[in-house]
Amino acid sequence: MSLFIVWLGVMFPLVFSPGPANIVFAASGAQVGVKRSIPLVAGIDSVFIIKSIIIGYGLGEVVNNHPELMNYLQLLGAIYLVYVATKFLRTNSSKLKSTSKALGFFDGLLIQILNSKGWLMVFLMFTLFSEQSQATFGDSGIAILIIWLAFLNISIHFLWVSIGELLSRISSSPLYEKWLNFFYAGCLMAVSIWLIIENPMIKTVLSTST
């Protein structure tokens, strides 16, 4: 129990923080509701579980030894987030909301595969807690961390979707819905720009050009 409390104290803020995936969840909940956002959640959390298995059982060393892979993922992820942001600008009224195309399972896969924050978060978890979990639970330690993270991710992700749906129900005004979509799109654009600016490859190019 003490290990779980410490683990939760570290991982909850990381999972709950408004990163790319959580912003997409809130926007999807606002646009199409919780039920139609389930495939998106399933896609993102499927990749999270696969990431956890890969890194937890040692295969993550390949990524760790080749940091340039993370840099490429970060750039591709930023570009894809710009595309996702434009999709949230296409629905500006309640009539269109009921027929708008929801982000699906494949969108979730791409968002999470290209989400460098997600990779780093899983790396951090196993760096901090692998030895403790194995000392506490033996050979099952890694599997238990994977299960804990899966349950935390799924619950928090549905919370973000529900928050988005709740915000969309506050007002039925088309103007409110329009600006809510602009807000989500703006958040994703801001995250995209930050990911590009902070990318080590881009920093190297900028430093050499100056």
N, C-alpha and C. Protein backbone atom coordinates (compact mmCIF):
# COMPACT_ATOMS: atom_id res chain seq x y z
N MET A 1 0.83 -1.21 0.00
CA MET A 1 0.00 0.00 0.00
C MET A 1 0.86 1.26 0.00
N SER A 2 1.97 1.23 0.78
CA SER A 2 2.85 2.40 0.81
C SER A 2 3.47 2.65 -0.55
N LEU A 3 3.85 1.58 -1.26
CA LEU A 3 4.40 1.72 -2.61
C LEU A 3 3.36 2.31 -3.55
N PHE A 4 2.12 1.85 -3.44
CA PHE A 4 1.05 2.36 -4.31
C PHE A 4 0.81 3.84 -4.06
N ILE A 5 0.83 4.26 -2.80
CA ILE A 5 0.58 5.67 -2.48
C ILE A 5 1.68 6.56 -3.06
N VAL A 6 2.93 6.12 -2.91
CA VAL A 6 4.05 6.88 -3.49
C VAL A 6 3.94 6.91 -5.00
N TRP A 7 3.67 5.74 -5.61
CA TRP A 7 3.51 5.65 -7.06
C TRP A 7 2.41 6.57 -7.55
N LEU A 8 1.25 6.56 -6.86
CA LEU A 8 0.13 7.39 -7.27
C LEU A 8 0.46 8.87 -7.14
N GLY A 9 1.21 9.22 -6.09
CA GLY A 9 1.60 10.61 -5.90
C GLY A 9 2.47 11.13 -7.02
N VAL A 10 3.27 10.26 -7.62
CA VAL A 10 4.13 10.65 -8.74
C VAL A 10 3.36 10.61 -10.06
N MET A 11 2.61 9.52 -10.29
CA MET A 11 2.02 9.27 -11.61
C MET A 11 0.73 10.04 -11.85
N PHE A 12 -0.06 10.29 -10.79
CA PHE A 12 -1.33 10.98 -11.00
C PHE A 12 -1.16 12.36 -11.64
N PRO A 13 -0.25 13.21 -11.12
CA PRO A 13 -0.08 14.51 -11.78
C PRO A 13 0.39 14.39 -13.23
N LEU A 14 1.22 13.40 -13.52
CA LEU A 14 1.72 13.22 -14.89
C LEU A 14 0.60 12.80 -15.83
N VAL A 15 -0.26 11.88 -15.36
CA VAL A 15 -1.35 11.39 -16.20
C VAL A 15 -2.44 12.44 -16.35
N PHE A 16 -2.71 13.20 -15.27
CA PHE A 16 -3.81 14.16 -15.28
C PHE A 16 -3.45 15.47 -15.97
N SER A 17 -2.17 15.80 -16.06
CA SER A 17 -1.75 17.08 -16.64
C SER A 17 -2.25 17.22 -18.07
N PRO A 18 -2.56 18.45 -18.50
CA PRO A 18 -3.16 18.67 -19.82
C PRO A 18 -2.17 18.55 -20.97
N GLY A 19 -1.74 17.33 -21.23
CA GLY A 19 -0.88 17.08 -22.39
C GLY A 19 -1.70 16.91 -23.65
N PRO A 20 -1.05 16.57 -24.76
CA PRO A 20 -1.75 16.45 -26.05
C PRO A 20 -2.95 15.51 -26.00
N ALA A 21 -2.76 14.31 -25.42
CA ALA A 21 -3.85 13.33 -25.42
C ALA A 21 -5.04 13.84 -24.60
N ASN A 22 -4.79 14.43 -23.44
CA ASN A 22 -5.89 14.88 -22.59
C ASN A 22 -6.66 16.03 -23.23
N ILE A 23 -5.98 16.91 -23.93
CA ILE A 23 -6.67 17.98 -24.64
C ILE A 23 -7.56 17.40 -25.73
N VAL A 24 -7.05 16.40 -26.44
CA VAL A 24 -7.85 15.74 -27.47
C VAL A 24 -9.07 15.06 -26.85
N PHE A 25 -8.89 14.43 -25.68
CA PHE A 25 -10.02 13.79 -25.01
C PHE A 25 -11.11 14.80 -24.66
N ALA A 26 -10.72 15.92 -24.09
CA ALA A 26 -11.70 16.94 -23.71
C ALA A 26 -12.42 17.48 -24.95
N ALA A 27 -11.67 17.72 -26.02
CA ALA A 27 -12.27 18.22 -27.25
C ALA A 27 -13.22 17.19 -27.85
N SER A 28 -12.83 15.92 -27.82
CA SER A 28 -13.69 14.87 -28.35
C SER A 28 -14.97 14.74 -27.52
N GLY A 29 -14.85 14.82 -26.20
CA GLY A 29 -16.03 14.76 -25.34
C GLY A 29 -16.98 15.91 -25.61
N ALA A 30 -16.41 17.10 -25.84
CA ALA A 30 -17.25 18.26 -26.13
C ALA A 30 -17.94 18.13 -27.47
N GLN A 31 -17.26 17.51 -28.42
CA GLN A 31 -17.79 17.47 -29.78
C GLN A 31 -18.75 16.31 -30.02
N VAL A 32 -18.43 15.12 -29.50
CA VAL A 32 -19.25 13.95 -29.82
C VAL A 32 -19.72 13.17 -28.59
N GLY A 33 -19.33 13.58 -27.38
CA GLY A 33 -19.78 12.92 -26.18
C GLY A 33 -18.90 11.74 -25.77
N VAL A 34 -19.22 11.19 -24.59
CA VAL A 34 -18.41 10.12 -24.01
C VAL A 34 -18.50 8.84 -24.83
N LYS A 35 -19.73 8.44 -25.19
CA LYS A 35 -19.94 7.15 -25.87
C LYS A 35 -19.18 7.08 -27.18
N ARG A 36 -19.24 8.12 -27.99
CA ARG A 36 -18.58 8.10 -29.29
C ARG A 36 -17.07 8.35 -29.19
N SER A 37 -16.60 8.69 -27.98
CA SER A 37 -15.16 8.88 -27.76
C SER A 37 -14.47 7.60 -27.30
N ILE A 38 -15.25 6.54 -27.03
CA ILE A 38 -14.68 5.29 -26.53
C ILE A 38 -13.62 4.71 -27.48
N PRO A 39 -13.85 4.66 -28.81
CA PRO A 39 -12.79 4.14 -29.70
C PRO A 39 -11.49 4.94 -29.60
N LEU A 40 -11.59 6.25 -29.44
CA LEU A 40 -10.40 7.09 -29.29
C LEU A 40 -9.64 6.72 -28.02
N VAL A 41 -10.37 6.57 -26.91
CA VAL A 41 -9.74 6.17 -25.64
C VAL A 41 -9.09 4.80 -25.78
N ALA A 42 -9.80 3.88 -26.44
CA ALA A 42 -9.27 2.52 -26.62
C ALA A 42 -7.97 2.54 -27.42
N GLY A 43 -7.91 3.36 -28.47
CA GLY A 43 -6.71 3.44 -29.29
C GLY A 43 -5.52 3.98 -28.52
N ILE A 44 -5.74 5.08 -27.79
CA ILE A 44 -4.66 5.70 -27.04
C ILE A 44 -4.17 4.80 -25.92
N ASP A 45 -5.10 4.20 -25.18
CA ASP A 45 -4.69 3.38 -24.04
C ASP A 45 -4.13 2.03 -24.46
N SER A 46 -4.50 1.53 -25.62
CA SER A 46 -3.88 0.31 -26.14
C SER A 46 -2.39 0.54 -26.37
N VAL A 47 -2.06 1.70 -26.95
CA VAL A 47 -0.65 2.02 -27.18
C VAL A 47 0.08 2.23 -25.86
N PHE A 48 -0.61 2.86 -24.89
CA PHE A 48 0.01 3.06 -23.58
C PHE A 48 0.39 1.72 -22.95
N ILE A 49 -0.50 0.74 -23.04
CA ILE A 49 -0.21 -0.58 -22.48
C ILE A 49 0.96 -1.24 -23.21
N ILE A 50 0.98 -1.12 -24.53
CA ILE A 50 2.08 -1.69 -25.32
C ILE A 50 3.40 -1.01 -24.96
N LYS A 51 3.37 0.34 -24.82
CA LYS A 51 4.57 1.06 -24.39
C LYS A 51 5.07 0.53 -23.05
N SER A 52 4.14 0.33 -22.12
CA SER A 52 4.51 -0.13 -20.79
C SER A 52 5.16 -1.51 -20.84
N ILE A 53 4.61 -2.39 -21.65
CA ILE A 53 5.16 -3.74 -21.78
C ILE A 53 6.56 -3.69 -22.40
N ILE A 54 6.69 -2.91 -23.48
CA ILE A 54 7.97 -2.81 -24.17
C ILE A 54 9.06 -2.26 -23.25
N ILE A 55 8.76 -1.16 -22.57
CA ILE A 55 9.76 -0.52 -21.71
C ILE A 55 9.97 -1.30 -20.42
N GLY A 56 8.88 -1.80 -19.85
CA GLY A 56 8.98 -2.51 -18.57
C GLY A 56 9.80 -3.78 -18.64
N TYR A 57 9.75 -4.45 -19.79
CA TYR A 57 10.48 -5.71 -19.90
C TYR A 57 11.79 -5.57 -20.67
N GLY A 58 12.31 -4.35 -20.73
CA GLY A 58 13.68 -4.15 -21.17
C GLY A 58 13.87 -3.75 -22.62
N LEU A 59 12.83 -3.92 -23.44
CA LEU A 59 13.00 -3.58 -24.85
C LEU A 59 13.09 -2.07 -25.07
N GLY A 60 12.73 -1.32 -24.04
CA GLY A 60 12.82 0.14 -24.14
C GLY A 60 14.26 0.62 -24.22
N GLU A 61 15.23 -0.23 -23.93
CA GLU A 61 16.64 0.15 -24.04
C GLU A 61 17.00 0.55 -25.47
N VAL A 62 16.31 -0.05 -26.44
CA VAL A 62 16.56 0.30 -27.84
C VAL A 62 16.26 1.77 -28.07
N VAL A 63 15.11 2.21 -27.54
CA VAL A 63 14.73 3.62 -27.68
C VAL A 63 15.66 4.49 -26.84
N ASN A 64 16.01 4.00 -25.65
CA ASN A 64 16.87 4.76 -24.75
C ASN A 64 18.25 4.99 -25.35
N ASN A 65 18.74 4.01 -26.10
CA ASN A 65 20.06 4.11 -26.71
C ASN A 65 20.06 4.88 -28.02
N HIS A 66 18.88 5.17 -28.53
CA HIS A 66 18.76 5.93 -29.79
C HIS A 66 17.78 7.09 -29.58
N PRO A 67 18.21 8.12 -28.85
CA PRO A 67 17.31 9.25 -28.53
C PRO A 67 16.79 9.98 -29.76
N GLU A 68 17.51 9.83 -30.89
CA GLU A 68 17.03 10.52 -32.09
C GLU A 68 15.66 10.00 -32.53
N LEU A 69 15.33 8.75 -32.16
CA LEU A 69 14.01 8.22 -32.48
C LEU A 69 12.93 9.04 -31.80
N MET A 70 13.15 9.41 -30.54
CA MET A 70 12.19 10.23 -29.80
C MET A 70 12.05 11.61 -30.42
N ASN A 71 13.16 12.15 -30.94
CA ASN A 71 13.11 13.46 -31.58
C ASN A 71 12.24 13.44 -32.84
N TYR A 72 12.40 12.38 -33.64
CA TYR A 72 11.57 12.25 -34.83
C TYR A 72 10.10 12.07 -34.47
N LEU A 73 9.85 11.24 -33.44
CA LEU A 73 8.46 11.04 -32.99
C LEU A 73 7.85 12.35 -32.53
N GLN A 74 8.64 13.15 -31.84
CA GLN A 74 8.13 14.43 -31.33
C GLN A 74 7.74 15.35 -32.47
N LEU A 75 8.55 15.42 -33.51
CA LEU A 75 8.22 16.27 -34.66
C LEU A 75 6.98 15.77 -35.40
N LEU A 76 6.94 14.46 -35.66
CA LEU A 76 5.79 13.90 -36.34
C LEU A 76 4.52 14.08 -35.51
N GLY A 77 4.66 13.91 -34.20
CA GLY A 77 3.51 14.10 -33.32
C GLY A 77 3.01 15.53 -33.34
N ALA A 78 3.91 16.49 -33.37
CA ALA A 78 3.51 17.90 -33.43
C ALA A 78 2.75 18.20 -34.71
N ILE A 79 3.23 17.66 -35.82
CA ILE A 79 2.56 17.87 -37.11
C ILE A 79 1.17 17.24 -37.10
N TYR A 80 1.07 16.04 -36.52
CA TYR A 80 -0.24 15.37 -36.49
C TYR A 80 -1.21 16.11 -35.58
N LEU A 81 -0.72 16.70 -34.49
CA LEU A 81 -1.59 17.47 -33.61
C LEU A 81 -2.16 18.69 -34.31
N VAL A 82 -1.38 19.30 -35.21
CA VAL A 82 -1.90 20.41 -36.00
C VAL A 82 -3.07 19.94 -36.86
N TYR A 83 -2.93 18.76 -37.46
CA TYR A 83 -4.01 18.19 -38.26
C TYR A 83 -5.25 17.92 -37.39
N VAL A 84 -5.05 17.37 -36.20
CA VAL A 84 -6.17 17.09 -35.29
C VAL A 84 -6.86 18.40 -34.89
N ALA A 85 -6.05 19.44 -34.65
CA ALA A 85 -6.62 20.73 -34.26
C ALA A 85 -7.55 21.28 -35.33
N THR A 86 -7.17 21.10 -36.59
CA THR A 86 -8.03 21.59 -37.68
C THR A 86 -9.35 20.83 -37.73
N LYS A 87 -9.35 19.57 -37.32
CA LYS A 87 -10.58 18.79 -37.32
C LYS A 87 -11.58 19.32 -36.30
N PHE A 88 -11.07 19.87 -35.20
CA PHE A 88 -11.97 20.39 -34.17
C PHE A 88 -12.53 21.77 -34.53
N LEU A 89 -12.07 22.34 -35.63
CA LEU A 89 -12.60 23.62 -36.07
C LEU A 89 -13.75 23.47 -37.06
N ARG A 90 -14.07 22.23 -37.41
CA ARG A 90 -15.07 22.00 -38.46
C ARG A 90 -16.49 21.90 -37.93
N THR A 91 -16.66 21.78 -36.61
CA THR A 91 -17.99 21.63 -36.04
C THR A 91 -18.30 22.85 -35.19
N ASN A 92 -19.21 23.68 -35.65
CA ASN A 92 -19.48 24.92 -34.95
C ASN A 92 -20.94 25.10 -34.55
N SER A 93 -21.75 24.09 -34.69
CA SER A 93 -23.15 24.22 -34.28
C SER A 93 -23.66 22.89 -33.77
N SER A 94 -24.77 22.95 -33.02
CA SER A 94 -25.35 21.74 -32.45
C SER A 94 -25.83 20.79 -33.53
N LYS A 95 -26.31 21.31 -34.65
CA LYS A 95 -26.78 20.45 -35.74
C LYS A 95 -25.64 19.64 -36.32
N LEU A 96 -24.51 20.31 -36.50
CA LEU A 96 -23.36 19.59 -37.05
C LEU A 96 -22.76 18.64 -36.03
N LYS A 97 -22.91 18.98 -34.75
CA LYS A 97 -22.31 18.17 -33.69
C LYS A 97 -22.84 16.74 -33.70
N SER A 98 -24.12 16.58 -33.96
CA SER A 98 -24.72 15.26 -33.91
C SER A 98 -24.27 14.38 -35.06
N THR A 99 -23.80 14.99 -36.15
CA THR A 99 -23.40 14.21 -37.32
C THR A 99 -21.90 14.28 -37.58
N SER A 100 -21.16 14.98 -36.72
CA SER A 100 -19.73 15.13 -36.97
C SER A 100 -19.02 13.81 -36.79
N LYS A 101 -17.94 13.63 -37.54
CA LYS A 101 -17.17 12.40 -37.47
C LYS A 101 -16.25 12.43 -36.26
N ALA A 102 -16.38 11.42 -35.41
CA ALA A 102 -15.56 11.36 -34.20
C ALA A 102 -14.17 10.84 -34.52
N LEU A 103 -13.20 11.28 -33.73
CA LEU A 103 -11.87 10.68 -33.81
C LEU A 103 -11.99 9.23 -33.36
N GLY A 104 -11.38 8.32 -34.10
CA GLY A 104 -11.57 6.90 -33.84
C GLY A 104 -10.35 6.20 -33.27
N PHE A 105 -10.40 4.88 -33.31
CA PHE A 105 -9.35 4.03 -32.75
C PHE A 105 -8.01 4.30 -33.43
N PHE A 106 -8.00 4.42 -34.75
CA PHE A 106 -6.75 4.64 -35.48
C PHE A 106 -6.15 6.00 -35.14
N ASP A 107 -7.01 7.02 -34.97
CA ASP A 107 -6.52 8.33 -34.55
C ASP A 107 -5.84 8.23 -33.18
N GLY A 108 -6.46 7.46 -32.28
CA GLY A 108 -5.87 7.27 -30.96
C GLY A 108 -4.51 6.60 -31.02
N LEU A 109 -4.40 5.58 -31.88
CA LEU A 109 -3.11 4.90 -32.05
C LEU A 109 -2.03 5.88 -32.48
N LEU A 110 -2.33 6.69 -33.49
CA LEU A 110 -1.33 7.63 -34.00
C LEU A 110 -0.96 8.69 -32.97
N ILE A 111 -1.98 9.22 -32.29
CA ILE A 111 -1.72 10.27 -31.30
C ILE A 111 -0.77 9.77 -30.21
N GLN A 112 -1.00 8.54 -29.73
CA GLN A 112 -0.19 8.05 -28.63
C GLN A 112 1.17 7.52 -29.08
N ILE A 113 1.23 6.91 -30.27
CA ILE A 113 2.52 6.46 -30.78
C ILE A 113 3.47 7.65 -30.95
N LEU A 114 2.92 8.78 -31.42
CA LEU A 114 3.73 9.96 -31.69
C LEU A 114 3.82 10.90 -30.50
N ASN A 115 3.25 10.50 -29.35
CA ASN A 115 3.25 11.35 -28.17
C ASN A 115 4.53 11.10 -27.35
N SER A 116 5.50 11.98 -27.51
CA SER A 116 6.77 11.80 -26.80
C SER A 116 6.60 11.89 -25.30
N LYS A 117 5.62 12.70 -24.82
CA LYS A 117 5.37 12.80 -23.39
C LYS A 117 4.98 11.44 -22.82
N GLY A 118 4.16 10.70 -23.57
CA GLY A 118 3.74 9.38 -23.12
C GLY A 118 4.91 8.43 -22.96
N TRP A 119 5.82 8.42 -23.93
CA TRP A 119 7.01 7.56 -23.83
C TRP A 119 7.85 7.93 -22.62
N LEU A 120 8.09 9.23 -22.43
CA LEU A 120 8.94 9.68 -21.32
C LEU A 120 8.30 9.37 -19.97
N MET A 121 6.97 9.47 -19.90
CA MET A 121 6.27 9.19 -18.65
C MET A 121 6.44 7.73 -18.25
N VAL A 122 6.32 6.82 -19.22
CA VAL A 122 6.49 5.39 -18.93
C VAL A 122 7.94 5.10 -18.54
N PHE A 123 8.90 5.71 -19.26
CA PHE A 123 10.31 5.56 -18.89
C PHE A 123 10.53 5.99 -17.44
N LEU A 124 9.95 7.13 -17.07
CA LEU A 124 10.13 7.65 -15.72
C LEU A 124 9.55 6.70 -14.68
N MET A 125 8.37 6.15 -14.96
CA MET A 125 7.75 5.24 -14.00
C MET A 125 8.63 4.03 -13.70
N PHE A 126 9.16 3.41 -14.75
CA PHE A 126 9.97 2.22 -14.53
C PHE A 126 11.34 2.56 -13.95
N THR A 127 11.86 3.74 -14.28
CA THR A 127 13.12 4.17 -13.68
C THR A 127 12.98 4.33 -12.17
N LEU A 128 11.85 4.90 -11.74
CA LEU A 128 11.64 5.17 -10.33
C LEU A 128 11.16 3.96 -9.53
N PHE A 129 10.36 3.09 -10.15
CA PHE A 129 9.63 2.10 -9.36
C PHE A 129 9.91 0.64 -9.71
N SER A 130 10.73 0.35 -10.71
CA SER A 130 10.97 -1.05 -11.09
C SER A 130 11.57 -1.85 -9.94
N GLU A 131 12.64 -1.34 -9.34
CA GLU A 131 13.31 -2.08 -8.27
C GLU A 131 12.41 -2.25 -7.06
N GLN A 132 11.68 -1.19 -6.71
CA GLN A 132 10.80 -1.27 -5.54
C GLN A 132 9.66 -2.28 -5.77
N SER A 133 9.09 -2.25 -6.98
CA SER A 133 7.97 -3.16 -7.27
C SER A 133 8.43 -4.61 -7.27
N GLN A 134 9.63 -4.87 -7.80
CA GLN A 134 10.14 -6.24 -7.82
C GLN A 134 10.53 -6.70 -6.42
N ALA A 135 11.02 -5.78 -5.60
CA ALA A 135 11.34 -6.14 -4.21
C ALA A 135 10.08 -6.44 -3.41
N THR A 136 8.98 -5.75 -3.78
CA THR A 136 7.73 -5.93 -3.05
C THR A 136 6.92 -7.12 -3.56
N PHE A 137 6.84 -7.23 -4.89
CA PHE A 137 5.96 -8.24 -5.50
C PHE A 137 6.70 -9.37 -6.21
N GLY A 138 8.03 -9.32 -6.20
CA GLY A 138 8.81 -10.35 -6.86
C GLY A 138 8.73 -10.24 -8.38
N ASP A 139 8.63 -11.37 -9.05
CA ASP A 139 8.61 -11.38 -10.52
C ASP A 139 7.37 -10.71 -11.10
N SER A 140 6.34 -10.52 -10.28
CA SER A 140 5.11 -9.88 -10.76
C SER A 140 5.17 -8.35 -10.69
N GLY A 141 6.28 -7.81 -10.18
CA GLY A 141 6.37 -6.38 -9.94
C GLY A 141 6.13 -5.53 -11.18
N ILE A 142 6.78 -5.89 -12.29
CA ILE A 142 6.63 -5.12 -13.53
C ILE A 142 5.20 -5.19 -14.03
N ALA A 143 4.60 -6.39 -14.01
CA ALA A 143 3.22 -6.55 -14.47
C ALA A 143 2.26 -5.72 -13.63
N ILE A 144 2.51 -5.64 -12.33
CA ILE A 144 1.62 -4.86 -11.46
C ILE A 144 1.72 -3.37 -11.78
N LEU A 145 2.92 -2.87 -12.05
CA LEU A 145 3.06 -1.47 -12.46
C LEU A 145 2.30 -1.20 -13.75
N ILE A 146 2.38 -2.12 -14.69
CA ILE A 146 1.67 -1.97 -15.97
C ILE A 146 0.16 -1.91 -15.73
N ILE A 147 -0.35 -2.78 -14.85
CA ILE A 147 -1.79 -2.81 -14.55
C ILE A 147 -2.21 -1.53 -13.84
N TRP A 148 -1.43 -1.10 -12.87
CA TRP A 148 -1.75 0.16 -12.18
C TRP A 148 -1.84 1.32 -13.16
N LEU A 149 -0.84 1.44 -14.05
CA LEU A 149 -0.83 2.54 -15.01
C LEU A 149 -2.00 2.45 -15.97
N ALA A 150 -2.36 1.24 -16.39
CA ALA A 150 -3.48 1.07 -17.31
C ALA A 150 -4.78 1.56 -16.67
N PHE A 151 -5.04 1.16 -15.43
CA PHE A 151 -6.25 1.59 -14.74
C PHE A 151 -6.26 3.10 -14.51
N LEU A 152 -5.11 3.66 -14.14
CA LEU A 152 -5.03 5.10 -13.92
C LEU A 152 -5.28 5.86 -15.22
N ASN A 153 -4.63 5.42 -16.29
CA ASN A 153 -4.82 6.08 -17.58
C ASN A 153 -6.27 6.06 -18.03
N ILE A 154 -6.87 4.89 -18.02
CA ILE A 154 -8.24 4.75 -18.52
C ILE A 154 -9.21 5.61 -17.71
N SER A 155 -9.07 5.59 -16.39
CA SER A 155 -9.99 6.37 -15.55
C SER A 155 -9.81 7.88 -15.76
N ILE A 156 -8.56 8.33 -15.82
CA ILE A 156 -8.30 9.76 -16.02
C ILE A 156 -8.71 10.20 -17.42
N HIS A 157 -8.48 9.37 -18.41
CA HIS A 157 -8.85 9.73 -19.78
C HIS A 157 -10.36 9.87 -19.93
N PHE A 158 -11.12 8.96 -19.33
CA PHE A 158 -12.58 9.11 -19.36
C PHE A 158 -13.03 10.33 -18.57
N LEU A 159 -12.28 10.69 -17.52
CA LEU A 159 -12.59 11.91 -16.78
C LEU A 159 -12.44 13.14 -17.67
N TRP A 160 -11.36 13.18 -18.47
CA TRP A 160 -11.15 14.31 -19.38
C TRP A 160 -12.25 14.37 -20.45
N VAL A 161 -12.64 13.22 -20.96
CA VAL A 161 -13.73 13.18 -21.94
C VAL A 161 -15.02 13.71 -21.30
N SER A 162 -15.28 13.29 -20.07
CA SER A 162 -16.50 13.73 -19.37
C SER A 162 -16.47 15.23 -19.08
N ILE A 163 -15.29 15.75 -18.74
CA ILE A 163 -15.16 17.19 -18.52
C ILE A 163 -15.49 17.96 -19.80
N GLY A 164 -14.97 17.45 -20.92
CA GLY A 164 -15.26 18.10 -22.19
C GLY A 164 -16.74 18.08 -22.52
N GLU A 165 -17.39 16.94 -22.28
CA GLU A 165 -18.83 16.83 -22.54
C GLU A 165 -19.61 17.77 -21.62
N LEU A 166 -19.20 17.85 -20.36
CA LEU A 166 -19.87 18.73 -19.41
C LEU A 166 -19.77 20.19 -19.85
N LEU A 167 -18.59 20.60 -20.28
CA LEU A 167 -18.41 21.98 -20.75
C LEU A 167 -19.29 22.28 -21.95
N SER A 168 -19.46 21.29 -22.82
CA SER A 168 -20.29 21.50 -24.01
C SER A 168 -21.76 21.64 -23.67
N ARG A 169 -22.18 21.12 -22.51
CA ARG A 169 -23.59 21.18 -22.11
C ARG A 169 -23.94 22.44 -21.35
N ILE A 170 -22.93 23.20 -20.98
CA ILE A 170 -23.19 24.43 -20.22
C ILE A 170 -24.05 25.39 -21.01
N SER A 171 -23.82 25.44 -22.29
CA SER A 171 -24.59 26.34 -23.14
C SER A 171 -24.81 25.68 -24.50
N SER A 172 -26.00 25.90 -25.06
CA SER A 172 -26.31 25.38 -26.40
C SER A 172 -26.08 26.45 -27.47
N SER A 173 -25.51 27.57 -27.07
CA SER A 173 -25.27 28.65 -28.01
C SER A 173 -24.25 28.24 -29.06
N PRO A 174 -24.56 28.41 -30.35
CA PRO A 174 -23.59 28.08 -31.40
C PRO A 174 -22.30 28.88 -31.25
N LEU A 175 -22.40 30.13 -30.76
CA LEU A 175 -21.21 30.95 -30.57
C LEU A 175 -20.32 30.36 -29.48
N TYR A 176 -20.95 29.87 -28.38
CA TYR A 176 -20.18 29.23 -27.30
C TYR A 176 -19.47 27.98 -27.81
N GLU A 177 -20.18 27.15 -28.58
CA GLU A 177 -19.58 25.93 -29.14
C GLU A 177 -18.44 26.27 -30.08
N LYS A 178 -18.64 27.31 -30.85
CA LYS A 178 -17.59 27.71 -31.80
C LYS A 178 -16.32 28.10 -31.05
N TRP A 179 -16.46 28.93 -30.01
CA TRP A 179 -15.28 29.39 -29.28
C TRP A 179 -14.67 28.28 -28.44
N LEU A 180 -15.50 27.32 -27.99
CA LEU A 180 -14.96 26.18 -27.27
C LEU A 180 -14.08 25.35 -28.19
N ASN A 181 -14.53 25.15 -29.43
CA ASN A 181 -13.72 24.42 -30.41
C ASN A 181 -12.44 25.18 -30.74
N PHE A 182 -12.54 26.49 -30.85
CA PHE A 182 -11.35 27.30 -31.10
C PHE A 182 -10.37 27.20 -29.93
N PHE A 183 -10.91 27.11 -28.70
CA PHE A 183 -10.05 26.99 -27.52
C PHE A 183 -9.27 25.68 -27.56
N TYR A 184 -9.96 24.57 -27.85
CA TYR A 184 -9.27 23.27 -27.91
C TYR A 184 -8.24 23.27 -29.04
N ALA A 185 -8.64 23.78 -30.19
CA ALA A 185 -7.72 23.82 -31.33
C ALA A 185 -6.50 24.68 -31.00
N GLY A 186 -6.74 25.81 -30.33
CA GLY A 186 -5.64 26.69 -29.94
C GLY A 186 -4.68 26.02 -28.96
N CYS A 187 -5.24 25.25 -28.01
CA CYS A 187 -4.39 24.51 -27.06
C CYS A 187 -3.51 23.51 -27.79
N LEU A 188 -4.10 22.79 -28.74
CA LEU A 188 -3.32 21.80 -29.49
C LEU A 188 -2.25 22.48 -30.35
N MET A 189 -2.61 23.61 -30.94
CA MET A 189 -1.62 24.35 -31.74
C MET A 189 -0.47 24.81 -30.84
N ALA A 190 -0.80 25.30 -29.64
CA ALA A 190 0.24 25.77 -28.72
C ALA A 190 1.16 24.62 -28.31
N VAL A 191 0.58 23.46 -28.02
CA VAL A 191 1.39 22.30 -27.68
C VAL A 191 2.28 21.90 -28.84
N SER A 192 1.73 21.95 -30.05
CA SER A 192 2.49 21.60 -31.25
C SER A 192 3.69 22.51 -31.44
N ILE A 193 3.46 23.81 -31.30
CA ILE A 193 4.54 24.79 -31.45
C ILE A 193 5.62 24.56 -30.39
N TRP A 194 5.17 24.30 -29.14
CA TRP A 194 6.13 24.05 -28.06
C TRP A 194 6.96 22.80 -28.35
N LEU A 195 6.32 21.73 -28.83
CA LEU A 195 7.04 20.51 -29.14
C LEU A 195 8.09 20.74 -30.24
N ILE A 196 7.74 21.55 -31.21
CA ILE A 196 8.66 21.82 -32.32
C ILE A 196 9.84 22.67 -31.83
N ILE A 197 9.53 23.73 -31.05
CA ILE A 197 10.58 24.62 -30.57
C ILE A 197 11.55 23.90 -29.63
N GLU A 198 10.99 23.01 -28.77
CA GLU A 198 11.82 22.31 -27.79
C GLU A 198 12.50 21.07 -28.34
N ASN A 199 12.23 20.72 -29.59
CA ASN A 199 12.85 19.53 -30.17
C ASN A 199 14.36 19.76 -30.33
N PRO A 200 15.19 18.84 -29.82
CA PRO A 200 16.65 19.03 -29.90
C PRO A 200 17.16 19.22 -31.32
N MET A 201 16.57 18.53 -32.29
CA MET A 201 17.02 18.69 -33.68
C MET A 201 16.75 20.10 -34.18
N ILE A 202 15.58 20.64 -33.85
CA ILE A 202 15.25 22.00 -34.28
C ILE A 202 16.16 23.00 -33.59
N LYS A 203 16.42 22.77 -32.29
CA LYS A 203 17.32 23.67 -31.55
C LYS A 203 18.71 23.68 -32.18
N THR A 204 19.18 22.51 -32.63
CA THR A 204 20.50 22.42 -33.25
C THR A 204 20.52 23.19 -34.56
N VAL A 205 19.48 23.05 -35.36
CA VAL A 205 19.40 23.76 -36.63
C VAL A 205 19.37 25.27 -36.40
N LEU A 206 18.58 25.70 -35.42
CA LEU A 206 18.48 27.13 -35.15
C LEU A 206 19.80 27.70 -34.64
N SER A 207 20.48 26.94 -33.79
CA SER A 207 21.74 27.43 -33.22
C SER A 207 22.83 27.52 -34.28
N THR A 208 22.84 26.57 -35.21
CA THR A 208 23.86 26.60 -36.27
C THR A 208 23.57 27.71 -37.29
N SER A 209 22.29 28.00 -37.50
CA SER A 209 21.93 29.04 -38.47
C SER A 209 22.22 30.42 -37.95
N THR A 210 22.26 30.56 -36.61
CA THR A 210 22.56 31.87 -36.03
C THR A 210 24.04 32.02 -35.73
